[in-house]
Amino acid sequence: MKNVLTIFFLLFFIVACQNKKQNSEKVEEKNVFHSPLGKQLPYPTPSEKMLAQFDAAKQAYENETDNPEKIIWHGRRTAYLGKYTEAINIYSEGIDKFPDNPKF
């Protein structure tokens, strides 16, 4: 019985260490998007022009949050930066606000 408990705790320790290693690897991958199926999709560092366009789209959206075109461009510019999950959330907001708009 003592050997079974020792083996159990040893296996538990090994699994816990592997999970900790996987979590630390995810933190290091800053420019990689993980798809829902686990595929790694790297994206490059955005240019100053792309960042300026994102800021302009975000500001335009914040000024008119009920304008579907502003929501779409805010989502696009967000996705262009590789922030796909955030872009999906923006488009989901557009769907909630405008359920009959086919653009969403």
PDB file of N, CA and C in Angstrom:
ATOM      1  N   MET A   1       0.825  -1.192   0.000  1.00  0.00           N
ATOM      2  CA  MET A   1       0.000   0.000   0.000  1.00  0.00           C
ATOM      3  C   MET A   1       0.867   1.252   0.000  1.00  0.00           C
ATOM      4  N   LYS A   2       1.955   1.209   0.760  1.00  0.00           N
ATOM      5  CA  LYS A   2       2.861   2.343   0.832  1.00  0.00           C
ATOM      6  C   LYS A   2       3.492   2.612  -0.526  1.00  0.00           C
ATOM      7  N   ASN A   3       3.835   1.556  -1.274  1.00  0.00           N
ATOM      8  CA  ASN A   3       4.439   1.708  -2.593  1.00  0.00           C
ATOM      9  C   ASN A   3       3.443   2.305  -3.592  1.00  0.00           C
ATOM     10  N   VAL A   4       2.176   1.948  -3.472  1.00  0.00           N
ATOM     11  CA  VAL A   4       1.154   2.480  -4.371  1.00  0.00           C
ATOM     12  C   VAL A   4       1.006   3.982  -4.155  1.00  0.00           C
ATOM     13  N   LEU A   5       0.991   4.404  -2.896  1.00  0.00           N
ATOM     14  CA  LEU A   5       0.887   5.828  -2.599  1.00  0.00           C
ATOM     15  C   LEU A   5       2.113   6.594  -3.081  1.00  0.00           C
ATOM     16  N   THR A   6       3.268   6.014  -2.928  1.00  0.00           N
ATOM     17  CA  THR A   6       4.491   6.652  -3.392  1.00  0.00           C
ATOM     18  C   THR A   6       4.461   6.828  -4.908  1.00  0.00           C
ATOM     19  N   ILE A   7       4.040   5.798  -5.623  1.00  0.00           N
ATOM     20  CA  ILE A   7       3.945   5.871  -7.089  1.00  0.00           C
ATOM     21  C   ILE A   7       2.909   6.915  -7.494  1.00  0.00           C
ATOM     22  N   PHE A   8       1.784   6.949  -6.808  1.00  0.00           N
ATOM     23  CA  PHE A   8       0.739   7.923  -7.117  1.00  0.00           C
ATOM     24  C   PHE A   8       1.258   9.350  -6.964  1.00  0.00           C
ATOM     25  N   PHE A   9       1.909   9.641  -5.851  1.00  0.00           N
ATOM     26  CA  PHE A   9       2.427  10.992  -5.638  1.00  0.00           C
ATOM     27  C   PHE A   9       3.538  11.332  -6.616  1.00  0.00           C
ATOM     28  N   LEU A  10       4.332  10.362  -6.993  1.00  0.00           N
ATOM     29  CA  LEU A  10       5.388  10.573  -7.981  1.00  0.00           C
ATOM     30  C   LEU A  10       4.788  10.924  -9.341  1.00  0.00           C
ATOM     31  N   LEU A  11       3.763  10.191  -9.754  1.00  0.00           N
ATOM     32  CA  LEU A  11       3.090  10.491 -11.021  1.00  0.00           C
ATOM     33  C   LEU A  11       2.412  11.860 -10.972  1.00  0.00           C
ATOM     34  N   PHE A  12       1.780  12.181  -9.849  1.00  0.00           N
ATOM     35  CA  PHE A  12       1.140  13.478  -9.697  1.00  0.00           C
ATOM     36  C   PHE A  12       2.169  14.602  -9.834  1.00  0.00           C
ATOM     37  N   PHE A  13       3.330  14.438  -9.240  1.00  0.00           N
ATOM     38  CA  PHE A  13       4.386  15.437  -9.308  1.00  0.00           C
ATOM     39  C   PHE A  13       4.874  15.617 -10.739  1.00  0.00           C
ATOM     40  N   ILE A  14       5.042  14.539 -11.474  1.00  0.00           N
ATOM     41  CA  ILE A  14       5.508  14.603 -12.871  1.00  0.00           C
ATOM     42  C   ILE A  14       4.494  15.346 -13.736  1.00  0.00           C
ATOM     43  N   VAL A  15       3.212  15.018 -13.588  1.00  0.00           N
ATOM     44  CA  VAL A  15       2.168  15.686 -14.368  1.00  0.00           C
ATOM     45  C   VAL A  15       2.106  17.169 -14.020  1.00  0.00           C
ATOM     46  N   ALA A  16       2.206  17.515 -12.762  1.00  0.00           N
ATOM     47  CA  ALA A  16       2.161  18.915 -12.339  1.00  0.00           C
ATOM     48  C   ALA A  16       3.332  19.698 -12.923  1.00  0.00           C
ATOM     49  N   CYS A  17       4.504  19.089 -12.962  1.00  0.00           N
ATOM     50  CA  CYS A  17       5.678  19.761 -13.528  1.00  0.00           C
ATOM     51  C   CYS A  17       5.512  19.981 -15.035  1.00  0.00           C
ATOM     52  N   GLN A  18       4.940  19.018 -15.742  1.00  0.00           N
ATOM     53  CA  GLN A  18       4.729  19.163 -17.181  1.00  0.00           C
ATOM     54  C   GLN A  18       3.733  20.288 -17.465  1.00  0.00           C
ATOM     55  N   ASN A  19       2.667  20.396 -16.697  1.00  0.00           N
ATOM     56  CA  ASN A  19       1.688  21.470 -16.890  1.00  0.00           C
ATOM     57  C   ASN A  19       2.314  22.835 -16.642  1.00  0.00           C
ATOM     58  N   LYS A  20       3.158  22.931 -15.635  1.00  0.00           N
ATOM     59  CA  LYS A  20       3.824  24.194 -15.340  1.00  0.00           C
ATOM     60  C   LYS A  20       4.745  24.583 -16.485  1.00  0.00           C
ATOM     61  N   LYS A  21       5.441  23.617 -17.069  1.00  0.00           N
ATOM     62  CA  LYS A  21       6.337  23.881 -18.193  1.00  0.00           C
ATOM     63  C   LYS A  21       5.537  24.366 -19.397  1.00  0.00           C
ATOM     64  N   GLN A  22       4.401  23.742 -19.690  1.00  0.00           N
ATOM     65  CA  GLN A  22       3.571  24.148 -20.822  1.00  0.00           C
ATOM     66  C   GLN A  22       3.044  25.559 -20.622  1.00  0.00           C
ATOM     67  N   ASN A  23       2.631  25.923 -19.418  1.00  0.00           N
ATOM     68  CA  ASN A  23       2.130  27.266 -19.149  1.00  0.00           C
ATOM     69  C   ASN A  23       3.222  28.306 -19.337  1.00  0.00           C
ATOM     70  N   SER A  24       4.447  28.008 -18.924  1.00  0.00           N
ATOM     71  CA  SER A  24       5.533  28.968 -19.089  1.00  0.00           C
ATOM     72  C   SER A  24       5.891  29.134 -20.558  1.00  0.00           C
ATOM     73  N   GLU A  25       5.738  28.068 -21.368  1.00  0.00           N
ATOM     74  CA  GLU A  25       6.009  28.174 -22.796  1.00  0.00           C
ATOM     75  C   GLU A  25       4.982  29.080 -23.473  1.00  0.00           C
ATOM     76  N   LYS A  26       3.740  29.045 -23.041  1.00  0.00           N
ATOM     77  CA  LYS A  26       2.698  29.879 -23.631  1.00  0.00           C
ATOM     78  C   LYS A  26       2.975  31.355 -23.377  1.00  0.00           C
ATOM     79  N   VAL A  27       3.530  31.673 -22.227  1.00  0.00           N
ATOM     80  CA  VAL A  27       3.828  33.063 -21.905  1.00  0.00           C
ATOM     81  C   VAL A  27       4.926  33.594 -22.816  1.00  0.00           C
ATOM     82  N   GLU A  28       5.890  32.765 -23.183  1.00  0.00           N
ATOM     83  CA  GLU A  28       7.011  33.188 -23.999  1.00  0.00           C
ATOM     84  C   GLU A  28       6.610  33.445 -25.450  1.00  0.00           C
ATOM     85  N   GLU A  29       5.544  32.833 -25.929  1.00  0.00           N
ATOM     86  CA  GLU A  29       5.126  32.963 -27.320  1.00  0.00           C
ATOM     87  C   GLU A  29       4.203  34.172 -27.465  1.00  0.00           C
ATOM     88  N   LYS A  30       4.784  35.367 -27.563  1.00  0.00           N
ATOM     89  CA  LYS A  30       3.991  36.583 -27.609  1.00  0.00           C
ATOM     90  C   LYS A  30       3.431  36.862 -28.998  1.00  0.00           C
ATOM     91  N   ASN A  31       4.133  36.496 -30.038  1.00  0.00           N
ATOM     92  CA  ASN A  31       3.700  36.787 -31.391  1.00  0.00           C
ATOM     93  C   ASN A  31       3.124  35.562 -32.080  1.00  0.00           C
ATOM     94  N   VAL A  32       2.455  34.727 -31.317  1.00  0.00           N
ATOM     95  CA  VAL A  32       1.861  33.522 -31.875  1.00  0.00           C
ATOM     96  C   VAL A  32       0.412  33.437 -31.406  1.00  0.00           C
ATOM     97  N   PHE A  33      -0.473  33.227 -32.369  1.00  0.00           N
ATOM     98  CA  PHE A  33      -1.879  32.994 -32.058  1.00  0.00           C
ATOM     99  C   PHE A  33      -2.129  31.503 -32.132  1.00  0.00           C
ATOM    100  N   HIS A  34      -2.832  30.964 -31.152  1.00  0.00           N
ATOM    101  CA  HIS A  34      -3.183  29.547 -31.148  1.00  0.00           C
ATOM    102  C   HIS A  34      -4.637  29.407 -31.560  1.00  0.00           C
ATOM    103  N   SER A  35      -4.858  28.711 -32.663  1.00  0.00           N
ATOM    104  CA  SER A  35      -6.221  28.512 -33.142  1.00  0.00           C
ATOM    105  C   SER A  35      -6.957  27.574 -32.191  1.00  0.00           C
ATOM    106  N   PRO A  36      -8.290  27.538 -32.280  1.00  0.00           N
ATOM    107  CA  PRO A  36      -9.042  26.616 -31.415  1.00  0.00           C
ATOM    108  C   PRO A  36      -8.638  25.151 -31.605  1.00  0.00           C
ATOM    109  N   LEU A  37      -8.082  24.817 -32.771  1.00  0.00           N
ATOM    110  CA  LEU A  37      -7.628  23.441 -33.004  1.00  0.00           C
ATOM    111  C   LEU A  37      -6.175  23.222 -32.604  1.00  0.00           C
ATOM    112  N   GLY A  38      -5.537  24.264 -32.025  1.00  0.00           N
ATOM    113  CA  GLY A  38      -4.182  24.116 -31.522  1.00  0.00           C
ATOM    114  C   GLY A  38      -3.092  24.486 -32.500  1.00  0.00           C
ATOM    115  N   LYS A  39      -3.448  24.964 -33.691  1.00  0.00           N
ATOM    116  CA  LYS A  39      -2.436  25.345 -34.682  1.00  0.00           C
ATOM    117  C   LYS A  39      -1.816  26.680 -34.280  1.00  0.00           C
ATOM    118  N   GLN A  40      -0.487  26.769 -34.387  1.00  0.00           N
ATOM    119  CA  GLN A  40       0.210  27.996 -34.044  1.00  0.00           C
ATOM    120  C   GLN A  40       0.321  28.873 -35.295  1.00  0.00           C
ATOM    121  N   LEU A  41      -0.165  30.104 -35.181  1.00  0.00           N
ATOM    122  CA  LEU A  41      -0.140  31.037 -36.295  1.00  0.00           C
ATOM    123  C   LEU A  41       0.678  32.264 -35.886  1.00  0.00           C
ATOM    124  N   PRO A  42       1.946  32.342 -36.329  1.00  0.00           N
ATOM    125  CA  PRO A  42       2.760  33.502 -35.958  1.00  0.00           C
ATOM    126  C   PRO A  42       2.359  34.725 -36.777  1.00  0.00           C
ATOM    127  N   TYR A  43       2.533  35.885 -36.206  1.00  0.00           N
ATOM    128  CA  TYR A  43       2.285  37.110 -36.932  1.00  0.00           C
ATOM    129  C   TYR A  43       3.438  38.076 -36.654  1.00  0.00           C
ATOM    130  N   PRO A  44       3.765  38.907 -37.652  1.00  0.00           N
ATOM    131  CA  PRO A  44       4.919  39.796 -37.493  1.00  0.00           C
ATOM    132  C   PRO A  44       4.610  40.991 -36.599  1.00  0.00           C
ATOM    133  N   THR A  45       5.647  41.669 -36.194  1.00  0.00           N
ATOM    134  CA  THR A  45       5.496  42.894 -35.423  1.00  0.00           C
ATOM    135  C   THR A  45       4.876  43.953 -36.326  1.00  0.00           C
ATOM    136  N   PRO A  46       3.806  44.626 -35.876  1.00  0.00           N
ATOM    137  CA  PRO A  46       3.139  45.598 -36.741  1.00  0.00           C
ATOM    138  C   PRO A  46       3.986  46.843 -36.979  1.00  0.00           C
ATOM    139  N   SER A  47       3.785  47.440 -38.152  1.00  0.00           N
ATOM    140  CA  SER A  47       4.502  48.667 -38.488  1.00  0.00           C
ATOM    141  C   SER A  47       3.859  49.860 -37.786  1.00  0.00           C
ATOM    142  N   GLU A  48       4.545  50.983 -37.827  1.00  0.00           N
ATOM    143  CA  GLU A  48       4.008  52.202 -37.226  1.00  0.00           C
ATOM    144  C   GLU A  48       2.723  52.621 -37.945  1.00  0.00           C
ATOM    145  N   LYS A  49       2.677  52.413 -39.251  1.00  0.00           N
ATOM    146  CA  LYS A  49       1.490  52.762 -40.031  1.00  0.00           C
ATOM    147  C   LYS A  49       0.287  51.931 -39.579  1.00  0.00           C
ATOM    148  N   MET A  50       0.506  50.632 -39.386  1.00  0.00           N
ATOM    149  CA  MET A  50      -0.573  49.762 -38.936  1.00  0.00           C
ATOM    150  C   MET A  50      -1.069  50.167 -37.547  1.00  0.00           C
ATOM    151  N   LEU A  51      -0.151  50.523 -36.674  1.00  0.00           N
ATOM    152  CA  LEU A  51      -0.531  50.953 -35.324  1.00  0.00           C
ATOM    153  C   LEU A  51      -1.313  52.262 -35.370  1.00  0.00           C
ATOM    154  N   ALA A  52      -0.900  53.179 -36.253  1.00  0.00           N
ATOM    155  CA  ALA A  52      -1.618  54.446 -36.386  1.00  0.00           C
ATOM    156  C   ALA A  52      -3.022  54.209 -36.937  1.00  0.00           C
ATOM    157  N   GLN A  53      -3.140  53.304 -37.912  1.00  0.00           N
ATOM    158  CA  GLN A  53      -4.458  52.984 -38.466  1.00  0.00           C
ATOM    159  C   GLN A  53      -5.349  52.324 -37.418  1.00  0.00           C
ATOM    160  N   PHE A  54      -4.771  51.463 -36.596  1.00  0.00           N
ATOM    161  CA  PHE A  54      -5.526  50.835 -35.511  1.00  0.00           C
ATOM    162  C   PHE A  54      -6.028  51.891 -34.531  1.00  0.00           C
ATOM    163  N   ASP A  55      -5.127  52.800 -34.128  1.00  0.00           N
ATOM    164  CA  ASP A  55      -5.517  53.848 -33.181  1.00  0.00           C
ATOM    165  C   ASP A  55      -6.634  54.716 -33.751  1.00  0.00           C
ATOM    166  N   ALA A  56      -6.553  55.050 -35.039  1.00  0.00           N
ATOM    167  CA  ALA A  56      -7.588  55.867 -35.671  1.00  0.00           C
ATOM    168  C   ALA A  56      -8.925  55.118 -35.707  1.00  0.00           C
ATOM    169  N   ALA A  57      -8.887  53.836 -36.051  1.00  0.00           N
ATOM    170  CA  ALA A  57     -10.115  53.036 -36.100  1.00  0.00           C
ATOM    171  C   ALA A  57     -10.723  52.877 -34.710  1.00  0.00           C
ATOM    172  N   LYS A  58      -9.877  52.678 -33.722  1.00  0.00           N
ATOM    173  CA  LYS A  58     -10.367  52.532 -32.350  1.00  0.00           C
ATOM    174  C   LYS A  58     -10.999  53.833 -31.865  1.00  0.00           C
ATOM    175  N   GLN A  59     -10.349  54.950 -32.169  1.00  0.00           N
ATOM    176  CA  GLN A  59     -10.880  56.251 -31.761  1.00  0.00           C
ATOM    177  C   GLN A  59     -12.209  56.532 -32.459  1.00  0.00           C
ATOM    178  N   ALA A  60     -12.296  56.218 -33.750  1.00  0.00           N
ATOM    179  CA  ALA A  60     -13.542  56.423 -34.496  1.00  0.00           C
ATOM    180  C   ALA A  60     -14.660  55.556 -33.921  1.00  0.00           C
ATOM    181  N   TYR A  61     -14.314  54.329 -33.550  1.00  0.00           N
ATOM    182  CA  TYR A  61     -15.298  53.436 -32.931  1.00  0.00           C
ATOM    183  C   TYR A  61     -15.762  53.991 -31.588  1.00  0.00           C
ATOM    184  N   GLU A  62     -14.830  54.456 -30.768  1.00  0.00           N
ATOM    185  CA  GLU A  62     -15.188  54.976 -29.453  1.00  0.00           C
ATOM    186  C   GLU A  62     -16.065  56.226 -29.550  1.00  0.00           C
ATOM    187  N   ASN A  63     -15.905  56.986 -30.642  1.00  0.00           N
ATOM    188  CA  ASN A  63     -16.746  58.171 -30.841  1.00  0.00           C
ATOM    189  C   ASN A  63     -18.151  57.798 -31.296  1.00  0.00           C
ATOM    190  N   GLU A  64     -18.293  56.680 -32.019  1.00  0.00           N
ATOM    191  CA  GLU A  64     -19.593  56.237 -32.530  1.00  0.00           C
ATOM    192  C   GLU A  64     -19.737  54.731 -32.331  1.00  0.00           C
ATOM    193  N   THR A  65     -20.024  54.307 -31.127  1.00  0.00           N
ATOM    194  CA  THR A  65     -20.087  52.870 -30.829  1.00  0.00           C
ATOM    195  C   THR A  65     -21.299  52.185 -31.451  1.00  0.00           C
ATOM    196  N   ASP A  66     -22.275  52.966 -31.923  1.00  0.00           N
ATOM    197  CA  ASP A  66     -23.451  52.363 -32.554  1.00  0.00           C
ATOM    198  C   ASP A  66     -23.408  52.451 -34.075  1.00  0.00           C
ATOM    199  N   ASN A  67     -22.257  52.708 -34.638  1.00  0.00           N
ATOM    200  CA  ASN A  67     -22.095  52.770 -36.087  1.00  0.00           C
ATOM    201  C   ASN A  67     -21.501  51.440 -36.562  1.00  0.00           C
ATOM    202  N   PRO A  68     -22.227  50.669 -37.376  1.00  0.00           N
ATOM    203  CA  PRO A  68     -21.721  49.356 -37.785  1.00  0.00           C
ATOM    204  C   PRO A  68     -20.398  49.420 -38.548  1.00  0.00           C
ATOM    205  N   GLU A  69     -20.213  50.441 -39.371  1.00  0.00           N
ATOM    206  CA  GLU A  69     -18.957  50.561 -40.124  1.00  0.00           C
ATOM    207  C   GLU A  69     -17.770  50.783 -39.201  1.00  0.00           C
ATOM    208  N   LYS A  70     -17.969  51.533 -38.137  1.00  0.00           N
ATOM    209  CA  LYS A  70     -16.883  51.786 -37.165  1.00  0.00           C
ATOM    210  C   LYS A  70     -16.526  50.501 -36.422  1.00  0.00           C
ATOM    211  N   ILE A  71     -17.541  49.705 -36.110  1.00  0.00           N
ATOM    212  CA  ILE A  71     -17.290  48.422 -35.439  1.00  0.00           C
ATOM    213  C   ILE A  71     -16.507  47.500 -36.366  1.00  0.00           C
ATOM    214  N   ILE A  72     -16.910  47.444 -37.628  1.00  0.00           N
ATOM    215  CA  ILE A  72     -16.238  46.564 -38.595  1.00  0.00           C
ATOM    216  C   ILE A  72     -14.769  46.962 -38.762  1.00  0.00           C
ATOM    217  N   TRP A  73     -14.514  48.257 -38.933  1.00  0.00           N
ATOM    218  CA  TRP A  73     -13.126  48.683 -39.129  1.00  0.00           C
ATOM    219  C   TRP A  73     -12.291  48.525 -37.856  1.00  0.00           C
ATOM    220  N   HIS A  74     -12.899  48.713 -36.726  1.00  0.00           N
ATOM    221  CA  HIS A  74     -12.170  48.475 -35.473  1.00  0.00           C
ATOM    222  C   HIS A  74     -11.792  46.990 -35.381  1.00  0.00           C
ATOM    223  N   GLY A  75     -12.723  46.109 -35.724  1.00  0.00           N
ATOM    224  CA  GLY A  75     -12.434  44.675 -35.730  1.00  0.00           C
ATOM    225  C   GLY A  75     -11.370  44.304 -36.744  1.00  0.00           C
ATOM    226  N   ARG A  76     -11.447  44.881 -37.932  1.00  0.00           N
ATOM    227  CA  ARG A  76     -10.438  44.584 -38.969  1.00  0.00           C
ATOM    228  C   ARG A  76      -9.045  45.007 -38.526  1.00  0.00           C
ATOM    229  N   ARG A  77      -8.947  46.254 -38.075  1.00  0.00           N
ATOM    230  CA  ARG A  77      -7.627  46.764 -37.665  1.00  0.00           C
ATOM    231  C   ARG A  77      -7.076  45.976 -36.482  1.00  0.00           C
ATOM    232  N   THR A  78      -7.948  45.504 -35.623  1.00  0.00           N
ATOM    233  CA  THR A  78      -7.511  44.672 -34.499  1.00  0.00           C
ATOM    234  C   THR A  78      -6.977  43.337 -35.009  1.00  0.00           C
ATOM    235  N   ALA A  79      -7.680  42.735 -35.960  1.00  0.00           N
ATOM    236  CA  ALA A  79      -7.240  41.458 -36.526  1.00  0.00           C
ATOM    237  C   ALA A  79      -5.938  41.615 -37.310  1.00  0.00           C
ATOM    238  N   TYR A  80      -5.774  42.745 -38.003  1.00  0.00           N
ATOM    239  CA  TYR A  80      -4.527  42.978 -38.752  1.00  0.00           C
ATOM    240  C   TYR A  80      -3.309  42.973 -37.842  1.00  0.00           C
ATOM    241  N   LEU A  81      -3.517  43.311 -36.569  1.00  0.00           N
ATOM    242  CA  LEU A  81      -2.410  43.294 -35.606  1.00  0.00           C
ATOM    243  C   LEU A  81      -2.175  41.904 -35.019  1.00  0.00           C
ATOM    244  N   GLY A  82      -3.016  40.945 -35.408  1.00  0.00           N
ATOM    245  CA  GLY A  82      -2.865  39.587 -34.904  1.00  0.00           C
ATOM    246  C   GLY A  82      -3.649  39.320 -33.636  1.00  0.00           C
ATOM    247  N   LYS A  83      -4.464  40.244 -33.220  1.00  0.00           N
ATOM    248  CA  LYS A  83      -5.273  40.075 -32.010  1.00  0.00           C
ATOM    249  C   LYS A  83      -6.619  39.472 -32.415  1.00  0.00           C
ATOM    250  N   TYR A  84      -6.581  38.235 -32.833  1.00  0.00           N
ATOM    251  CA  TYR A  84      -7.754  37.595 -33.422  1.00  0.00           C
ATOM    252  C   TYR A  84      -8.882  37.379 -32.413  1.00  0.00           C
ATOM    253  N   THR A  85      -8.547  36.974 -31.226  1.00  0.00           N
ATOM    254  CA  THR A  85      -9.571  36.749 -30.210  1.00  0.00           C
ATOM    255  C   THR A  85     -10.278  38.055 -29.865  1.00  0.00           C
ATOM    256  N   GLU A  86      -9.525  39.126 -29.757  1.00  0.00           N
ATOM    257  CA  GLU A  86     -10.114  40.435 -29.478  1.00  0.00           C
ATOM    258  C   GLU A  86     -10.999  40.888 -30.643  1.00  0.00           C
ATOM    259  N   ALA A  87     -10.554  40.635 -31.875  1.00  0.00           N
ATOM    260  CA  ALA A  87     -11.349  40.990 -33.053  1.00  0.00           C
ATOM    261  C   ALA A  87     -12.658  40.207 -33.074  1.00  0.00           C
ATOM    262  N   ILE A  88     -12.605  38.947 -32.720  1.00  0.00           N
ATOM    263  CA  ILE A  88     -13.826  38.133 -32.660  1.00  0.00           C
ATOM    264  C   ILE A  88     -14.799  38.725 -31.644  1.00  0.00           C
ATOM    265  N   ASN A  89     -14.272  39.176 -30.518  1.00  0.00           N
ATOM    266  CA  ASN A  89     -15.136  39.801 -29.505  1.00  0.00           C
ATOM    267  C   ASN A  89     -15.778  41.084 -30.028  1.00  0.00           C
ATOM    268  N   ILE A  90     -15.031  41.861 -30.796  1.00  0.00           N
ATOM    269  CA  ILE A  90     -15.572  43.098 -31.380  1.00  0.00           C
ATOM    270  C   ILE A  90     -16.684  42.760 -32.360  1.00  0.00           C
ATOM    271  N   TYR A  91     -16.443  41.776 -33.230  1.00  0.00           N
ATOM    272  CA  TYR A  91     -17.474  41.378 -34.190  1.00  0.00           C
ATOM    273  C   TYR A  91     -18.684  40.775 -33.479  1.00  0.00           C
ATOM    274  N   SER A  92     -18.460  40.072 -32.399  1.00  0.00           N
ATOM    275  CA  SER A  92     -19.580  39.512 -31.624  1.00  0.00           C
ATOM    276  C   SER A  92     -20.440  40.629 -31.050  1.00  0.00           C
ATOM    277  N   GLU A  93     -19.789  41.692 -30.619  1.00  0.00           N
ATOM    278  CA  GLU A  93     -20.528  42.859 -30.141  1.00  0.00           C
ATOM    279  C   GLU A  93     -21.374  43.450 -31.277  1.00  0.00           C
ATOM    280  N   GLY A  94     -20.788  43.504 -32.481  1.00  0.00           N
ATOM    281  CA  GLY A  94     -21.533  43.995 -33.634  1.00  0.00           C
ATOM    282  C   GLY A  94     -22.743  43.122 -33.943  1.00  0.00           C
ATOM    283  N   ILE A  95     -22.589  41.822 -33.817  1.00  0.00           N
ATOM    284  CA  ILE A  95     -23.707  40.897 -34.046  1.00  0.00           C
ATOM    285  C   ILE A  95     -24.801  41.135 -33.011  1.00  0.00           C
ATOM    286  N   ASP A  96     -24.398  41.359 -31.767  1.00  0.00           N
ATOM    287  CA  ASP A  96     -25.388  41.619 -30.706  1.00  0.00           C
ATOM    288  C   ASP A  96     -26.151  42.921 -30.958  1.00  0.00           C
ATOM    289  N   LYS A  97     -25.431  43.951 -31.419  1.00  0.00           N
ATOM    290  CA  LYS A  97     -26.067  45.247 -31.651  1.00  0.00           C
ATOM    291  C   LYS A  97     -26.893  45.269 -32.935  1.00  0.00           C
ATOM    292  N   PHE A  98     -26.416  44.559 -33.963  1.00  0.00           N
ATOM    293  CA  PHE A  98     -27.056  44.594 -35.276  1.00  0.00           C
ATOM    294  C   PHE A  98     -27.263  43.168 -35.799  1.00  0.00           C
ATOM    295  N   PRO A  99     -28.183  42.416 -35.200  1.00  0.00           N
ATOM    296  CA  PRO A  99     -28.364  41.018 -35.583  1.00  0.00           C
ATOM    297  C   PRO A  99     -28.845  40.817 -37.019  1.00  0.00           C
ATOM    298  N   ASP A 100     -29.452  41.837 -37.618  1.00  0.00           N
ATOM    299  CA  ASP A 100     -29.955  41.696 -38.988  1.00  0.00           C
ATOM    300  C   ASP A 100     -28.982  42.212 -40.040  1.00  0.00           C
ATOM    301  N   ASN A 101     -27.819  42.717 -39.622  1.00  0.00           N
ATOM    302  CA  ASN A 101     -26.841  43.240 -40.559  1.00  0.00           C
ATOM    303  C   ASN A 101     -25.997  42.086 -41.096  1.00  0.00           C
ATOM    304  N   PRO A 102     -26.070  41.802 -42.396  1.00  0.00           N
ATOM    305  CA  PRO A 102     -25.332  40.661 -42.953  1.00  0.00           C
ATOM    306  C   PRO A 102     -23.810  40.841 -42.962  1.00  0.00           C
ATOM    307  N   LYS A 103     -23.342  42.048 -42.751  1.00  0.00           N
ATOM    308  CA  LYS A 103     -21.884  42.283 -42.739  1.00  0.00           C
ATOM    309  C   LYS A 103     -21.210  41.616 -41.548  1.00  0.00           C
ATOM    310  N   PHE A 104     -21.970  41.394 -40.503  1.00  0.00           N
ATOM    311  CA  PHE A 104     -21.390  40.752 -39.329  1.00  0.00           C
ATOM    312  C   PHE A 104     -21.502  39.254 -39.442  1.00  0.00           C
TER     313      PHE A 104
END
